[in-house]
Structure formats: C-alpha cells, structure tokens
C-alpha cells in the first residue's frame, strides 16, 4: 500500500538559514507513518492497549533541496520490507512535483517491557507488505 499526506512547513520549524531544520523532518516522517497506519486500518492506541509498541530503530534521510517556511509538502509513504519483528518504510517528500527529500525508517515491535517481539496478528496485513 502507498499512502500520501500533506502538511505545511511552519515558521518555528526553520533554522537561522530560513530552511526547515533537518531534525524537523523526523516529525514529518512520524506524522506520515501514523497517517499511513490510520489509512491501513491500524489503531496505534489499540495496539498499545494489547501490549505492543512500535519504536524507531533506524532512520536514513537524504536531503535534496531546502524546504522553506509555508512550503506545502506531499509525503508518499510505502512499506519496503517486512520482517518478523520490524517493518521498513520508504518516505518521499515533494514540494509540488519536486523531490526534496527521501528517507527510510525502520520500526520494530516491542512488548510492554520494551523487548523486541514478533509482529502481532493485527500487523499481519497486506497493507504492510512491500
């Protein structure tokens, strides 16, 4: 499954150069993954209530061109790989049709004690398959 969402860069996210700060992209990627999950029918609160959590274990971002205050971004999210305990997502961020950044984010499933565990049945869905 591929999912698209949009957001607008806010002034307080910019650094002294007037660009959206590189660390802000982490928030953008989190927002996009949560929107992907909602669209896939995954309730994060229900997942947490059943004793599971999802934690980011790896992020790789390639910045192509700066994003400025008030730019509208379109973020395309899709699963790249699914393993026993983790899922790798691809994110492509666009301003209009221009690619501004690409990222890969890996999250792992953990239990209430924070230990890695096999993905639960509610995450064994076709929308998470590459």
Protein backbone atom coordinates (compact mmCIF):
# COMPACT_ATOMS: atom_id res chain seq x y z
CA UNK A 1 0.00 0.00 0.00
CA UNK A 2 1.15 3.50 -0.75
CA UNK A 3 -0.23 6.48 1.16
CA UNK A 4 0.02 10.23 0.59
CA UNK A 5 -0.47 13.03 3.07
CA UNK A 6 0.28 16.74 3.04
CA UNK A 7 1.50 19.29 5.55
CA UNK A 8 2.70 22.87 5.54
CA UNK A 9 6.09 23.90 6.91
CA UNK A 10 5.69 26.26 9.87
CA UNK A 11 7.90 29.26 10.67
CA UNK A 12 9.06 27.90 14.05
CA UNK A 13 10.47 24.80 12.29
CA UNK A 14 13.05 26.90 10.42
CA UNK A 15 16.68 27.42 11.34
CA UNK A 16 18.79 30.57 11.09
CA UNK A 17 19.17 29.99 7.33
CA UNK A 18 15.41 30.11 6.83
CA UNK A 19 15.26 26.38 5.97
CA UNK A 20 13.19 23.81 7.78
CA UNK A 21 15.63 22.37 10.32
CA UNK A 22 16.90 18.90 9.48
CA UNK A 23 15.62 17.45 12.77
CA UNK A 24 12.08 18.61 11.94
CA UNK A 25 11.94 16.03 9.17
CA UNK A 26 11.77 13.34 11.87
CA UNK A 27 8.43 14.81 12.98
CA UNK A 28 7.22 14.93 9.38
CA UNK A 29 8.11 11.26 8.87
CA UNK A 30 6.38 10.25 12.12
CA UNK A 31 3.25 12.14 11.06
CA UNK A 32 3.29 10.39 7.67
CA UNK A 33 3.71 6.90 9.19
CA UNK A 34 0.84 7.47 11.62
CA UNK A 35 -1.36 8.65 8.75
CA UNK A 36 -0.32 5.53 6.79
CA UNK A 37 -1.31 3.36 9.77
CA UNK A 38 -4.73 5.02 10.06
CA UNK A 39 -5.35 4.51 6.33
CA UNK A 40 -4.30 0.86 6.68
CA UNK A 41 -6.83 0.37 9.49
CA UNK A 42 -4.21 0.05 12.23
CA UNK A 43 -5.17 1.63 15.53
CA UNK A 44 -1.99 2.55 17.40
CA UNK A 45 -3.94 3.02 20.65
CA UNK A 46 -5.48 -0.47 20.29
CA UNK A 47 -2.04 -1.89 19.54
CA UNK A 48 -0.66 -0.25 22.71
CA UNK A 49 -3.66 -1.46 24.74
CA UNK A 50 -2.93 -5.03 23.62
CA UNK A 51 0.63 -4.76 24.99
CA UNK A 52 2.62 -3.86 21.86
CA UNK A 53 4.56 -0.81 20.82
CA UNK A 54 6.42 0.35 17.73
CA UNK A 55 9.79 2.00 18.16
CA UNK A 56 12.01 3.58 15.53
CA UNK A 57 15.34 1.75 15.36
CA UNK A 58 16.87 3.30 12.23
CA UNK A 59 16.41 6.42 10.11
CA UNK A 60 18.30 7.42 6.97
CA UNK A 61 17.43 10.72 5.28
CA UNK A 62 18.82 12.20 2.08
CA UNK A 63 18.06 15.92 1.81
CA UNK A 64 17.81 17.03 -1.83
CA UNK A 65 16.83 20.71 -1.60
CA UNK A 66 15.79 23.03 1.25
CA UNK A 67 12.22 23.38 2.40
CA UNK A 68 11.19 26.88 3.45
CA UNK A 69 8.51 28.30 5.69
CA UNK A 70 4.99 27.92 4.29
CA UNK A 71 6.02 25.34 1.66
CA UNK A 72 3.38 22.64 1.25
CA UNK A 73 4.83 19.14 1.29
CA UNK A 74 3.35 15.93 -0.03
CA UNK A 75 4.74 12.84 1.69
CA UNK A 76 4.43 9.46 -0.01
CA UNK A 77 4.86 6.52 2.37
CA UNK A 78 5.12 2.84 1.44
CA UNK A 79 6.49 -0.31 3.09
CA UNK A 80 9.82 -1.50 1.68
CA UNK A 81 10.35 -4.64 3.76
CA UNK A 82 8.55 -6.61 6.44
CA UNK A 83 10.40 -8.95 8.78
CA UNK A 84 9.43 -10.95 11.86
CA UNK A 85 9.82 -8.03 14.26
CA UNK A 86 10.22 -4.95 12.06
CA UNK A 87 8.94 -3.02 9.08
CA UNK A 88 10.97 -0.69 6.85
CA UNK A 89 9.19 2.29 5.31
CA UNK A 90 10.10 4.47 2.35
CA UNK A 91 9.19 8.16 2.53
CA UNK A 92 9.44 10.58 -0.38
CA UNK A 93 8.81 14.24 0.34
CA UNK A 94 7.74 16.52 -2.52
CA UNK A 95 7.15 20.24 -2.92
CA UNK A 96 4.83 20.20 -5.90
CA UNK A 97 6.40 17.60 -8.17
CA UNK A 98 9.94 18.35 -6.99
CA UNK A 99 11.53 15.70 -4.72
CA UNK A 100 13.00 17.50 -1.68
CA UNK A 101 13.98 14.51 0.50
CA UNK A 102 13.93 10.72 0.68
CA UNK A 103 14.04 8.62 3.83
CA UNK A 104 13.97 5.04 5.05
CA UNK A 105 12.63 4.42 8.52
CA UNK A 106 12.67 1.10 10.34
CA UNK A 107 10.48 0.41 13.30
CA UNK A 108 10.47 -2.67 15.47
CA UNK A 109 7.69 -4.16 17.54
CA UNK A 110 8.27 -4.34 21.29
CA UNK A 111 6.36 -5.69 24.27
CA UNK A 112 5.43 -3.75 27.42
CA UNK A 113 8.94 -4.22 28.77
CA UNK A 114 10.44 -2.73 25.61
CA UNK A 115 11.85 -6.03 24.36
CA UNK A 116 11.62 -6.93 20.66
CA UNK A 117 8.78 -9.32 19.82
CA UNK A 118 7.24 -10.85 16.72
CA UNK A 119 4.75 -8.61 14.90
CA UNK A 120 1.26 -9.26 16.32
CA UNK A 121 -1.63 -10.52 14.18
CA UNK A 122 -3.08 -7.01 13.77
CA UNK A 123 0.10 -6.09 11.85
CA UNK A 124 -0.05 -9.18 9.63
CA UNK A 125 -1.97 -7.33 6.94
CA UNK A 126 -1.43 -6.91 3.18
CA UNK A 127 -1.07 -3.11 3.53
CA UNK A 128 2.29 -3.64 5.27
CA UNK A 129 3.64 -5.92 2.54
CA UNK A 130 6.09 -4.34 0.09
